[in-house]
C-alpha atoms as a PDB file:
ATOM      1  CA  UNK A   1     283.315-129.328 -24.641  1.00  0.00           C
ATOM      2  CA  UNK A   2     283.621-130.355 -28.254  1.00  0.00           C
ATOM      3  CA  UNK A   3     286.631-131.954 -29.968  1.00  0.00           C
ATOM      4  CA  UNK A   4     286.774-132.301 -33.750  1.00  0.00           C
ATOM      5  CA  UNK A   5     289.134-134.700 -35.521  1.00  0.00           C
ATOM      6  CA  UNK A   6     290.261-133.391 -38.904  1.00  0.00           C
ATOM      7  CA  UNK A   7     290.236-136.274 -41.388  1.00  0.00           C
ATOM      8  CA  UNK A   8     290.218-134.431 -44.678  1.00  0.00           C
ATOM      9  CA  UNK A   9     293.895-134.607 -45.626  1.00  0.00           C
ATOM     10  CA  UNK A  10     294.861-135.458 -49.187  1.00  0.00           C
ATOM     11  CA  UNK A  11     297.849-137.622 -48.182  1.00  0.00           C
ATOM     12  CA  UNK A  12     299.918-136.503 -51.161  1.00  0.00           C
ATOM     13  CA  UNK A  13     303.210-137.695 -49.676  1.00  0.00           C
ATOM     14  CA  UNK A  14     301.718-140.788 -48.064  1.00  0.00           C
ATOM     15  CA  UNK A  15     298.971-142.271 -50.271  1.00  0.00           C
ATOM     16  CA  UNK A  16     297.128-144.158 -47.547  1.00  0.00           C
ATOM     17  CA  UNK A  17     294.277-143.325 -45.187  1.00  0.00           C
ATOM     18  CA  UNK A  18     296.570-142.238 -42.364  1.00  0.00           C
ATOM     19  CA  UNK A  19     293.992-142.448 -39.602  1.00  0.00           C
ATOM     20  CA  UNK A  20     293.432-146.104 -40.462  1.00  0.00           C
ATOM     21  CA  UNK A  21     297.026-147.182 -39.839  1.00  0.00           C
ATOM     22  CA  UNK A  22     297.044-149.585 -36.891  1.00  0.00           C
ATOM     23  CA  UNK A  23     299.287-148.766 -33.953  1.00  0.00           C
ATOM     24  CA  UNK A  24     299.062-150.807 -30.796  1.00  0.00           C
ATOM     25  CA  UNK A  25     296.425-153.060 -32.329  1.00  0.00           C
ATOM     26  CA  UNK A  26     293.900-150.429 -33.423  1.00  0.00           C
ATOM     27  CA  UNK A  27     293.511-147.702 -35.973  1.00  0.00           C
ATOM     28  CA  UNK A  28     294.992-144.329 -35.060  1.00  0.00           C
ATOM     29  CA  UNK A  29     291.651-142.564 -35.356  1.00  0.00           C
ATOM     30  CA  UNK A  30     289.988-145.114 -33.082  1.00  0.00           C
ATOM     31  CA  UNK A  31     292.632-144.640 -30.410  1.00  0.00           C
ATOM     32  CA  UNK A  32     292.445-140.877 -30.817  1.00  0.00           C
ATOM     33  CA  UNK A  33     288.671-140.813 -30.323  1.00  0.00           C
ATOM     34  CA  UNK A  34     289.002-143.067 -27.273  1.00  0.00           C
ATOM     35  CA  UNK A  35     291.620-140.775 -25.727  1.00  0.00           C
ATOM     36  CA  UNK A  36     289.692-137.582 -26.476  1.00  0.00           C
ATOM     37  CA  UNK A  37     286.478-139.140 -25.191  1.00  0.00           C
ATOM     38  CA  UNK A  38     288.061-139.397 -21.763  1.00  0.00           C
ATOM     39  CA  UNK A  39     288.122-135.600 -21.497  1.00  0.00           C
ATOM     40  CA  UNK A  40     285.720-134.095 -24.041  1.00  0.00           C
ATOM     41  CA  UNK A  41     281.999-134.780 -23.739  1.00  0.00           C
ATOM     42  CA  UNK A  42     281.313-134.333 -27.473  1.00  0.00           C
ATOM     43  CA  UNK A  43     283.281-135.627 -30.441  1.00  0.00           C
ATOM     44  CA  UNK A  44     282.969-135.109 -34.197  1.00  0.00           C
ATOM     45  CA  UNK A  45     284.928-135.771 -37.377  1.00  0.00           C
ATOM     46  CA  UNK A  46     285.525-133.314 -40.199  1.00  0.00           C
ATOM     47  CA  UNK A  47     285.647-135.296 -43.439  1.00  0.00           C
ATOM     48  CA  UNK A  48     284.539-135.305 -47.060  1.00  0.00           C
ATOM     49  CA  UNK A  49     284.535-139.107 -47.068  1.00  0.00           C
ATOM     50  CA  UNK A  50     281.771-139.942 -44.578  1.00  0.00           C
ATOM     51  CA  UNK A  51     281.471-143.490 -45.860  1.00  0.00           C
ATOM     52  CA  UNK A  52     284.879-144.267 -44.337  1.00  0.00           C
ATOM     53  CA  UNK A  53     284.111-142.918 -40.870  1.00  0.00           C
ATOM     54  CA  UNK A  54     280.418-143.606 -40.379  1.00  0.00           C
ATOM     55  CA  UNK A  55     281.161-146.805 -38.430  1.00  0.00           C
ATOM     56  CA  UNK A  56     282.753-144.747 -35.644  1.00  0.00           C
ATOM     57  CA  UNK A  57     279.344-143.451 -34.611  1.00  0.00           C
ATOM     58  CA  UNK A  58     280.208-139.766 -34.146  1.00  0.00           C
ATOM     59  CA  UNK A  59     278.836-136.737 -36.019  1.00  0.00           C
ATOM     60  CA  UNK A  60     280.424-136.134 -39.419  1.00  0.00           C
ATOM     61  CA  UNK A  61     280.719-132.685 -40.987  1.00  0.00           C
ATOM     62  CA  UNK A  62     281.865-131.925 -44.538  1.00  0.00           C
ATOM     63  CA  UNK A  63     283.541-128.866 -46.021  1.00  0.00           C
ATOM     64  CA  UNK A  64     281.405-125.889 -46.910  1.00  0.00           C
ATOM     65  CA  UNK A  65     283.947-124.536 -49.437  1.00  0.00           C
ATOM     66  CA  UNK A  66     285.949-126.471 -52.053  1.00  0.00           C
ATOM     67  CA  UNK A  67     289.245-125.149 -50.708  1.00  0.00           C
ATOM     68  CA  UNK A  68     291.992-127.617 -49.809  1.00  0.00           C
ATOM     69  CA  UNK A  69     293.572-127.740 -46.404  1.00  0.00           C
ATOM     70  CA  UNK A  70     292.701-128.070 -42.718  1.00  0.00           C
ATOM     71  CA  UNK A  71     291.549-124.470 -42.415  1.00  0.00           C
ATOM     72  CA  UNK A  72     288.463-125.383 -44.447  1.00  0.00           C
ATOM     73  CA  UNK A  73     287.637-128.249 -42.078  1.00  0.00           C
ATOM     74  CA  UNK A  74     288.081-126.014 -39.033  1.00  0.00           C
ATOM     75  CA  UNK A  75     285.936-123.270 -40.523  1.00  0.00           C
ATOM     76  CA  UNK A  76     283.199-125.655 -41.652  1.00  0.00           C
ATOM     77  CA  UNK A  77     282.905-127.587 -38.390  1.00  0.00           C
ATOM     78  CA  UNK A  78     283.151-124.494 -36.203  1.00  0.00           C
ATOM     79  CA  UNK A  79     280.515-122.748 -38.314  1.00  0.00           C
ATOM     80  CA  UNK A  80     278.182-125.681 -38.035  1.00  0.00           C
ATOM     81  CA  UNK A  81     278.512-126.427 -34.352  1.00  0.00           C
ATOM     82  CA  UNK A  82     278.353-122.756 -33.353  1.00  0.00           C
ATOM     83  CA  UNK A  83     275.151-122.331 -35.345  1.00  0.00           C
ATOM     84  CA  UNK A  84     276.729-119.763 -37.684  1.00  0.00           C
ATOM     85  CA  UNK A  85     277.095-122.024 -40.687  1.00  0.00           C
ATOM     86  CA  UNK A  86     275.156-123.156 -43.717  1.00  0.00           C
ATOM     87  CA  UNK A  87     275.836-126.868 -43.384  1.00  0.00           C
ATOM     88  CA  UNK A  88     273.446-129.748 -43.034  1.00  0.00           C
ATOM     89  CA  UNK A  89     273.907-132.436 -40.403  1.00  0.00           C
ATOM     90  CA  UNK A  90     275.685-135.650 -41.329  1.00  0.00           C
ATOM     91  CA  UNK A  91     274.128-139.070 -41.122  1.00  0.00           C
ATOM     92  CA  UNK A  92     275.224-139.453 -37.519  1.00  0.00           C
ATOM     93  CA  UNK A  93     272.835-136.715 -36.394  1.00  0.00           C
ATOM     94  CA  UNK A  94     275.098-133.781 -35.675  1.00  0.00           C
ATOM     95  CA  UNK A  95     273.065-130.915 -34.257  1.00  0.00           C
ATOM     96  CA  UNK A  96     274.074-127.304 -34.934  1.00  0.00           C
ATOM     97  CA  UNK A  97     274.502-124.553 -32.399  1.00  0.00           C
ATOM     98  CA  UNK A  98     275.669-124.178 -28.850  1.00  0.00           C
ATOM     99  CA  UNK A  99     279.446-124.457 -29.199  1.00  0.00           C
ATOM    100  CA  UNK A 100     281.338-121.172 -29.159  1.00  0.00           C
ATOM    101  CA  UNK A 101     284.642-122.962 -29.512  1.00  0.00           C
ATOM    102  CA  UNK A 102     286.094-126.392 -30.184  1.00  0.00           C
ATOM    103  CA  UNK A 103     289.345-128.289 -29.963  1.00  0.00           C
ATOM    104  CA  UNK A 104     290.736-129.407 -33.326  1.00  0.00           C
ATOM    105  CA  UNK A 105     293.282-132.139 -33.919  1.00  0.00           C
ATOM    106  CA  UNK A 106     294.583-134.017 -36.963  1.00  0.00           C
ATOM    107  CA  UNK A 107     293.510-137.641 -37.420  1.00  0.00           C
ATOM    108  CA  UNK A 108     297.082-138.959 -37.717  1.00  0.00           C
ATOM    109  CA  UNK A 109     298.360-138.052 -34.228  1.00  0.00           C
ATOM    110  CA  UNK A 110     298.551-141.368 -32.351  1.00  0.00           C
ATOM    111  CA  UNK A 111     300.138-140.299 -29.062  1.00  0.00           C
ATOM    112  CA  UNK A 112     297.989-137.395 -27.888  1.00  0.00           C
ATOM    113  CA  UNK A 113     298.224-136.427 -24.237  1.00  0.00           C
ATOM    114  CA  UNK A 114     294.831-135.181 -23.093  1.00  0.00           C
ATOM    115  CA  UNK A 115     296.525-133.446 -20.137  1.00  0.00           C
ATOM    116  CA  UNK A 116     297.885-130.978 -22.662  1.00  0.00           C
ATOM    117  CA  UNK A 117     294.452-130.428 -24.193  1.00  0.00           C
ATOM    118  CA  UNK A 118     293.102-129.922 -20.662  1.00  0.00           C
ATOM    119  CA  UNK A 119     295.686-127.206 -20.011  1.00  0.00           C
ATOM    120  CA  UNK A 120     294.666-125.406 -23.198  1.00  0.00           C
ATOM    121  CA  UNK A 121     291.020-125.739 -22.165  1.00  0.00           C
ATOM    122  CA  UNK A 122     291.812-124.012 -18.873  1.00  0.00           C
ATOM    123  CA  UNK A 123     292.947-120.932 -20.824  1.00  0.00           C
ATOM    124  CA  UNK A 124     289.578-120.470 -22.554  1.00  0.00           C
ATOM    125  CA  UNK A 125     287.948-118.088 -20.072  1.00  0.00           C
ATOM    126  CA  UNK A 126     287.844-114.462 -21.140  1.00  0.00           C
ATOM    127  CA  UNK A 127     290.528-112.630 -23.117  1.00  0.00           C
ATOM    128  CA  UNK A 128     288.443-112.478 -26.346  1.00  0.00           C
ATOM    129  CA  UNK A 129     290.790-115.003 -27.908  1.00  0.00           C
ATOM    130  CA  UNK A 130     290.494-116.532 -31.379  1.00  0.00           C
ATOM    131  CA  UNK A 131     292.945-119.423 -31.064  1.00  0.00           C
ATOM    132  CA  UNK A 132     294.684-121.171 -28.149  1.00  0.00           C
ATOM    133  CA  UNK A 133     297.681-123.277 -29.146  1.00  0.00           C
ATOM    134  CA  UNK A 134     300.812-124.787 -27.634  1.00  0.00           C
ATOM    135  CA  UNK A 135     304.308-123.959 -28.850  1.00  0.00           C
ATOM    136  CA  UNK A 136     306.750-126.763 -29.575  1.00  0.00           C
ATOM    137  CA  UNK A 137     310.249-126.504 -31.027  1.00  0.00           C
ATOM    138  CA  UNK A 138     309.751-122.784 -31.517  1.00  0.00           C
ATOM    139  CA  UNK A 139     306.565-123.109 -33.559  1.00  0.00           C
ATOM    140  CA  UNK A 140     302.872-123.006 -32.669  1.00  0.00           C
ATOM    141  CA  UNK A 141     300.914-126.208 -33.252  1.00  0.00           C
ATOM    142  CA  UNK A 142     297.743-125.265 -35.197  1.00  0.00           C
ATOM    143  CA  UNK A 143     296.411-128.838 -35.391  1.00  0.00           C
ATOM    144  CA  UNK A 144     296.357-129.302 -31.630  1.00  0.00           C
ATOM    145  CA  UNK A 145     294.448-126.177 -30.702  1.00  0.00           C
ATOM    146  CA  UNK A 146     291.197-124.545 -29.654  1.00  0.00           C
ATOM    147  CA  UNK A 147     289.458-122.235 -32.130  1.00  0.00           C
ATOM    148  CA  UNK A 148     286.700-119.795 -31.223  1.00  0.00           C
ATOM    149  CA  UNK A 149     283.706-118.884 -33.382  1.00  0.00           C
ATOM    150  CA  UNK A 150     284.935-115.285 -33.038  1.00  0.00           C
ATOM    151  CA  UNK A 151     287.551-116.078 -35.662  1.00  0.00           C
ATOM    152  CA  UNK A 152     285.056-117.212 -38.299  1.00  0.00           C
ATOM    153  CA  UNK A 153     284.719-113.913 -40.242  1.00  0.00           C
ATOM    154  CA  UNK A 154     288.457-113.420 -40.641  1.00  0.00           C
ATOM    155  CA  UNK A 155     288.992-117.111 -41.381  1.00  0.00           C
ATOM    156  CA  UNK A 156     286.332-117.046 -44.098  1.00  0.00           C
ATOM    157  CA  UNK A 157     287.951-113.978 -45.669  1.00  0.00           C
ATOM    158  CA  UNK A 158     291.260-115.799 -45.831  1.00  0.00           C
ATOM    159  CA  UNK A 159     289.709-118.976 -47.224  1.00  0.00           C
ATOM    160  CA  UNK A 160     288.009-117.119 -50.039  1.00  0.00           C
ATOM    161  CA  UNK A 161     291.267-115.333 -50.828  1.00  0.00           C
ATOM    162  CA  UNK A 162     293.136-118.641 -50.953  1.00  0.00           C
ATOM    163  CA  UNK A 163     295.232-117.802 -47.880  1.00  0.00           C
ATOM    164  CA  UNK A 164     294.964-121.089 -46.028  1.00  0.00           C
ATOM    165  CA  UNK A 165     298.198-121.249 -43.994  1.00  0.00           C
ATOM    166  CA  UNK A 166     297.104-121.745 -40.396  1.00  0.00           C
ATOM    167  CA  UNK A 167     300.270-120.406 -38.772  1.00  0.00           C
ATOM    168  CA  UNK A 168     299.921-117.179 -40.759  1.00  0.00           C
ATOM    169  CA  UNK A 169     296.309-116.944 -39.654  1.00  0.00           C
ATOM    170  CA  UNK A 170     297.328-117.477 -36.031  1.00  0.00           C
ATOM    171  CA  UNK A 171     299.964-114.749 -36.304  1.00  0.00           C
ATOM    172  CA  UNK A 172     297.297-112.222 -37.311  1.00  0.00           C
ATOM    173  CA  UNK A 173     294.524-113.508 -35.028  1.00  0.00           C
ATOM    174  CA  UNK A 174     294.144-112.999 -31.285  1.00  0.00           C
ATOM    175  CA  UNK A 175     296.065-116.119 -30.313  1.00  0.00           C
ATOM    176  CA  UNK A 176     296.951-117.262 -26.815  1.00  0.00           C
ATOM    177  CA  UNK A 177     300.075-119.397 -26.753  1.00  0.00           C
ATOM    178  CA  UNK A 178     301.020-121.991 -24.187  1.00  0.00           C
ATOM    179  CA  UNK A 179     304.750-121.390 -24.060  1.00  0.00           C
ATOM    180  CA  UNK A 180     307.185-124.151 -24.889  1.00  0.00           C
ATOM    181  CA  UNK A 181     308.450-124.535 -21.345  1.00  0.00           C
ATOM    182  CA  UNK A 182     304.987-125.290 -20.004  1.00  0.00           C
ATOM    183  CA  UNK A 183     304.145-127.439 -23.028  1.00  0.00           C
ATOM    184  CA  UNK A 184     307.278-129.490 -22.380  1.00  0.00           C
ATOM    185  CA  UNK A 185     306.427-129.784 -18.714  1.00  0.00           C
ATOM    186  CA  UNK A 186     303.243-131.625 -19.673  1.00  0.00           C
ATOM    187  CA  UNK A 187     304.566-133.526 -22.683  1.00  0.00           C
ATOM    188  CA  UNK A 188     308.378-133.623 -22.385  1.00  0.00           C
ATOM    189  CA  UNK A 189     308.949-135.605 -25.571  1.00  0.00           C
ATOM    190  CA  UNK A 190     306.348-133.759 -27.636  1.00  0.00           C
ATOM    191  CA  UNK A 191     304.516-137.006 -28.365  1.00  0.00           C
ATOM    192  CA  UNK A 192     301.233-135.166 -28.836  1.00  0.00           C
ATOM    193  CA  UNK A 193     302.618-133.523 -31.964  1.00  0.00           C
ATOM    194  CA  UNK A 194     303.822-136.637 -33.741  1.00  0.00           C
ATOM    195  CA  UNK A 195     301.946-137.013 -36.984  1.00  0.00           C
ATOM    196  CA  UNK A 196     302.351-139.022 -40.153  1.00  0.00           C
ATOM    197  CA  UNK A 197     303.135-137.176 -43.371  1.00  0.00           C
ATOM    198  CA  UNK A 198     305.906-139.306 -44.864  1.00  0.00           C
ATOM    199  CA  UNK A 199     307.077-142.901 -44.926  1.00  0.00           C
ATOM    200  CA  UNK A 200     309.760-141.943 -42.409  1.00  0.00           C
ATOM    201  CA  UNK A 201     307.155-140.457 -40.072  1.00  0.00           C
ATOM    202  CA  UNK A 202     305.151-143.666 -40.275  1.00  0.00           C
ATOM    203  CA  UNK A 203     308.141-145.862 -39.443  1.00  0.00           C
ATOM    204  CA  UNK A 204     309.043-143.639 -36.492  1.00  0.00           C
ATOM    205  CA  UNK A 205     305.471-143.666 -35.155  1.00  0.00           C
ATOM    206  CA  UNK A 206     305.233-147.440 -35.427  1.00  0.00           C
ATOM    207  CA  UNK A 207     308.571-147.831 -33.633  1.00  0.00           C
ATOM    208  CA  UNK A 208     307.219-145.960 -30.589  1.00  0.00           C
ATOM    209  CA  UNK A 209     304.517-148.564 -29.999  1.00  0.00           C
ATOM    210  CA  UNK A 210     306.029-151.598 -28.238  1.00  0.00           C
ATOM    211  CA  UNK A 211     304.924-154.877 -29.736  1.00  0.00           C
ATOM    212  CA  UNK A 212     303.454-153.308 -32.875  1.00  0.00           C
ATOM    213  CA  UNK A 213     304.353-155.252 -35.995  1.00  0.00           C
ATOM    214  CA  UNK A 214     304.029-153.490 -39.319  1.00  0.00           C
ATOM    215  CA  UNK A 215     301.850-155.606 -41.649  1.00  0.00           C
ATOM    216  CA  UNK A 216     303.808-156.930 -44.625  1.00  0.00           C
ATOM    217  CA  UNK A 217     301.730-155.027 -47.249  1.00  0.00           C
ATOM    218  CA  UNK A 218     302.293-151.769 -45.344  1.00  0.00           C
ATOM    219  CA  UNK A 219     306.017-152.508 -45.019  1.00  0.00           C
ATOM    220  CA  UNK A 220     306.225-153.002 -48.779  1.00  0.00           C
ATOM    221  CA  UNK A 221     304.354-149.746 -49.373  1.00  0.00           C
ATOM    222  CA  UNK A 222     306.732-147.894 -47.044  1.00  0.00           C
ATOM    223  CA  UNK A 223     309.753-149.312 -48.891  1.00  0.00           C
ATOM    224  CA  UNK A 224     308.248-148.346 -52.251  1.00  0.00           C
ATOM    225  CA  UNK A 225     307.593-144.797 -51.066  1.00  0.00           C
ATOM    226  CA  UNK A 226     311.117-144.456 -49.681  1.00  0.00           C
ATOM    227  CA  UNK A 227     312.496-145.402 -53.107  1.00  0.00           C
ATOM    228  CA  UNK A 228     310.470-142.588 -54.673  1.00  0.00           C
ATOM    229  CA  UNK A 229     311.900-139.882 -52.367  1.00  0.00           C
END
Protein backbone atom coordinates (compact mmCIF):
# COMPACT_ATOMS: atom_id res chain seq x y z
CA UNK A 1 0.00 0.00 0.00
CA UNK A 2 1.05 3.54 -0.74
CA UNK A 3 0.92 6.54 1.61
CA UNK A 4 1.51 10.07 0.32
CA UNK A 5 2.40 12.98 2.59
CA UNK A 6 1.03 16.29 1.32
CA UNK A 7 3.70 18.97 1.79
CA UNK A 8 2.50 21.65 -0.58
CA UNK A 9 0.74 24.00 1.84
CA UNK A 10 1.28 27.74 1.51
CA UNK A 11 1.37 28.36 5.28
CA UNK A 12 -0.39 31.71 4.97
CA UNK A 13 -1.33 31.87 8.65
CA UNK A 14 1.90 30.29 9.87
CA UNK A 15 4.84 31.41 7.70
CA UNK A 16 7.15 28.50 8.48
CA UNK A 17 7.76 25.10 6.92
CA UNK A 18 5.33 23.30 9.22
CA UNK A 19 6.63 19.81 8.58
CA UNK A 20 10.07 20.92 9.74
CA UNK A 21 8.96 21.97 13.23
CA UNK A 22 10.66 19.68 15.74
CA UNK A 23 8.47 17.80 18.19
CA UNK A 24 9.98 15.17 20.43
CA UNK A 25 13.45 15.84 19.03
CA UNK A 26 12.73 15.42 15.32
CA UNK A 27 10.92 17.14 12.52
CA UNK A 28 7.21 16.40 12.21
CA UNK A 29 7.58 15.05 8.69
CA UNK A 30 10.38 12.72 9.76
CA UNK A 31 8.29 11.30 12.58
CA UNK A 32 5.29 11.01 10.27
CA UNK A 33 7.24 9.04 7.66
CA UNK A 34 8.64 6.77 10.37
CA UNK A 35 5.15 6.07 11.74
CA UNK A 36 3.61 5.48 8.31
CA UNK A 37 6.52 3.27 7.30
CA UNK A 38 5.54 0.85 10.04
CA UNK A 39 2.31 0.05 8.18
CA UNK A 40 2.61 1.15 4.55
CA UNK A 41 5.17 -0.51 2.29
CA UNK A 42 5.54 2.52 -0.01
CA UNK A 43 5.85 6.19 0.89
CA UNK A 44 5.96 9.38 -1.19
CA UNK A 45 5.76 13.14 -0.72
CA UNK A 46 3.67 15.55 -2.76
CA UNK A 47 5.57 18.83 -2.97
CA UNK A 48 6.54 21.65 -5.30
CA UNK A 49 9.72 22.24 -3.29
CA UNK A 50 11.67 19.02 -3.85
CA UNK A 51 14.92 20.60 -2.73
CA UNK A 52 13.56 20.71 0.84
CA UNK A 53 12.51 17.06 1.00
CA UNK A 54 15.04 15.24 -1.15
CA UNK A 55 17.11 14.27 1.90
CA UNK A 56 14.26 12.08 3.15
CA UNK A 57 14.92 9.58 0.38
CA UNK A 58 11.33 8.94 -0.74
CA UNK A 59 9.74 9.62 -4.14
CA UNK A 60 8.71 13.23 -4.71
CA UNK A 61 5.83 14.24 -6.97
CA UNK A 62 4.92 17.79 -8.01
CA UNK A 63 1.61 19.33 -9.01
CA UNK A 64 0.37 18.82 -12.54
CA UNK A 65 -1.88 21.91 -12.43
CA UNK A 66 -1.10 25.37 -11.02
CA UNK A 67 -4.12 25.28 -8.73
CA UNK A 68 -3.64 25.95 -5.02
CA UNK A 69 -4.73 23.52 -2.36
CA UNK A 70 -4.35 19.90 -1.29
CA UNK A 71 -6.76 18.61 -3.92
CA UNK A 72 -4.12 19.34 -6.57
CA UNK A 73 -1.52 17.31 -4.67
CA UNK A 74 -3.93 14.40 -4.25
CA UNK A 75 -4.90 14.46 -7.91
CA UNK A 76 -1.32 14.75 -9.14
CA UNK A 77 0.13 11.98 -6.97
CA UNK A 78 -2.80 9.63 -7.51
CA UNK A 79 -2.62 10.21 -11.27
CA UNK A 80 1.07 9.48 -11.32
CA UNK A 81 1.15 6.40 -9.14
CA UNK A 82 -1.93 4.87 -10.78
CA UNK A 83 -0.35 5.32 -14.21
CA UNK A 84 -3.12 7.67 -15.38
CA UNK A 85 -1.13 10.87 -15.17
CA UNK A 86 1.17 13.01 -17.26
CA UNK A 87 3.86 13.55 -14.66
CA UNK A 88 7.53 12.72 -14.75
CA UNK A 89 9.26 10.94 -11.89
CA UNK A 90 11.07 12.98 -9.26
CA UNK A 91 14.74 12.69 -8.51
CA UNK A 92 14.11 9.94 -5.99
CA UNK A 93 13.01 7.54 -8.74
CA UNK A 94 9.26 7.35 -8.32
CA UNK A 95 7.84 4.82 -10.74
CA UNK A 96 4.34 5.28 -12.19
CA UNK A 97 1.57 2.74 -12.28
CA UNK A 98 0.27 -0.06 -10.13
CA UNK A 99 -1.51 1.82 -7.34
CA UNK A 100 -5.28 2.03 -7.67
CA UNK A 101 -5.55 3.95 -4.43
CA UNK A 102 -3.41 5.67 -1.82
CA UNK A 103 -3.61 7.06 1.68
CA UNK A 104 -3.10 10.83 1.89
CA UNK A 105 -2.14 12.81 4.97
CA UNK A 106 -0.98 16.37 5.65
CA UNK A 107 2.67 16.91 6.59
CA UNK A 108 1.86 18.81 9.80
CA UNK A 109 0.07 16.03 11.72
CA UNK A 110 2.54 14.92 14.40
CA UNK A 111 0.46 12.42 16.38
CA UNK A 112 -0.91 10.06 13.75
CA UNK A 113 -2.21 6.70 14.93
CA UNK A 114 -1.52 4.12 12.25
CA UNK A 115 -4.18 1.86 13.81
CA UNK A 116 -6.72 4.31 12.46
CA UNK A 117 -5.17 4.23 8.99
CA UNK A 118 -5.21 0.42 9.20
CA UNK A 119 -8.94 0.45 9.94
CA UNK A 120 -9.57 2.65 6.90
CA UNK A 121 -7.42 0.30 4.82
CA UNK A 122 -9.62 -2.62 5.87
CA UNK A 123 -12.61 -0.87 4.26
CA UNK A 124 -10.99 -0.73 0.80
CA UNK A 125 -12.34 -3.99 -0.62
CA UNK A 126 -15.21 -3.63 -3.07
CA UNK A 127 -17.99 -1.05 -2.88
CA UNK A 128 -16.67 1.01 -5.85
CA UNK A 129 -15.68 3.75 -3.44
CA UNK A 130 -13.90 7.00 -4.29
CA UNK A 131 -12.85 8.14 -0.82
CA UNK A 132 -12.63 6.47 2.61
CA UNK A 133 -12.40 8.90 5.52
CA UNK A 134 -12.98 9.02 9.26
CA UNK A 135 -15.45 11.40 10.89
CA UNK A 136 -14.36 13.46 13.88
CA UNK A 137 -16.33 16.13 15.72
CA UNK A 138 -19.12 15.81 13.17
CA UNK A 139 -16.92 16.42 10.14
CA UNK A 140 -15.09 14.12 7.73
CA UNK A 141 -11.30 14.35 7.74
CA UNK A 142 -10.17 14.69 4.09
CA UNK A 143 -6.45 14.88 4.91
CA UNK A 144 -6.40 11.54 6.69
CA UNK A 145 -8.07 9.45 4.02
CA UNK A 146 -7.77 6.95 1.19
CA UNK A 147 -8.51 8.14 -2.35
CA UNK A 148 -9.14 5.84 -5.30
CA UNK A 149 -8.06 6.45 -8.90
CA UNK A 150 -11.76 6.08 -9.75
CA UNK A 151 -12.26 9.62 -8.50
CA UNK A 152 -9.70 11.17 -10.84
CA UNK A 153 -12.08 12.28 -13.65
CA UNK A 154 -14.48 14.07 -11.32
CA UNK A 155 -11.61 15.52 -9.28
CA UNK A 156 -9.96 16.89 -12.41
CA UNK A 157 -13.24 18.49 -13.50
CA UNK A 158 -13.50 20.24 -10.16
CA UNK A 159 -9.87 21.37 -10.20
CA UNK A 160 -10.22 22.94 -13.62
CA UNK A 161 -13.40 24.69 -12.49
CA UNK A 162 -11.64 26.06 -9.41
CA UNK A 163 -13.78 24.00 -7.02
CA UNK A 164 -11.07 22.72 -4.70
CA UNK A 165 -12.90 22.21 -1.38
CA UNK A 166 -12.25 18.59 -0.42
CA UNK A 167 -15.24 18.19 1.89
CA UNK A 168 -17.55 19.35 -0.91
CA UNK A 169 -15.89 16.87 -3.24
CA UNK A 170 -16.36 14.09 -0.69
CA UNK A 171 -20.04 14.97 -0.31
CA UNK A 172 -20.60 14.42 -4.03
CA UNK A 173 -18.25 11.45 -4.45
CA UNK A 174 -18.84 7.83 -3.43
CA UNK A 175 -17.37 8.21 0.04
CA UNK A 176 -17.25 5.58 2.77
CA UNK A 177 -17.17 7.10 6.23
CA UNK A 178 -15.77 5.56 9.37
CA UNK A 179 -18.31 6.85 11.86
CA UNK A 180 -17.24 9.00 14.77
CA UNK A 181 -17.96 6.37 17.39
CA UNK A 182 -15.58 3.88 15.80
CA UNK A 183 -13.04 6.61 15.05
CA UNK A 184 -13.09 7.59 18.72
CA UNK A 185 -12.74 3.99 19.78
CA UNK A 186 -9.39 3.86 18.00
CA UNK A 187 -8.22 7.40 18.73
CA UNK A 188 -10.24 8.67 21.72
CA UNK A 189 -8.58 12.08 21.86
CA UNK A 190 -8.50 12.62 18.10
CA UNK A 191 -4.73 13.04 18.16
CA UNK A 192 -4.44 11.87 14.56
CA UNK A 193 -6.25 15.00 13.41
CA UNK A 194 -4.13 17.56 15.21
CA UNK A 195 -2.47 19.80 12.66
CA UNK A 196 -0.70 23.13 12.70
CA UNK A 197 -2.35 26.07 10.96
CA UNK A 198 -1.93 28.86 13.51
CA UNK A 199 0.44 29.93 16.25
CA UNK A 200 -2.06 28.59 18.78
CA UNK A 201 -2.12 25.20 17.04
CA UNK A 202 1.66 25.08 17.18
CA UNK A 203 1.79 25.86 20.90
CA UNK A 204 -0.85 23.22 21.62
CA UNK A 205 0.98 20.58 19.55
CA UNK A 206 4.29 21.31 21.26
CA UNK A 207 2.63 21.09 24.68
CA UNK A 208 1.50 17.51 23.97
CA UNK A 209 5.08 16.30 23.60
CA UNK A 210 6.61 15.78 27.06
CA UNK A 211 10.10 17.19 27.35
CA UNK A 212 9.89 19.20 24.13
CA UNK A 213 11.34 22.67 24.51
CA UNK A 214 10.37 25.27 21.95
CA UNK A 215 13.55 26.83 20.49
CA UNK A 216 13.89 30.50 21.39
CA UNK A 217 13.69 31.75 17.76
CA UNK A 218 10.48 29.75 17.24
CA UNK A 219 9.04 31.07 20.52
CA UNK A 220 9.71 34.62 19.36
CA UNK A 221 8.07 33.91 16.01
CA UNK A 222 5.00 32.47 17.76
CA UNK A 223 4.73 35.57 19.97
CA UNK A 224 5.07 37.85 16.94
CA UNK A 225 2.35 35.98 15.07
CA UNK A 226 0.02 36.09 18.07
CA UNK A 227 0.40 39.88 18.16
CA UNK A 228 -0.70 40.05 14.52
CA UNK A 229 -3.96 38.12 15.10
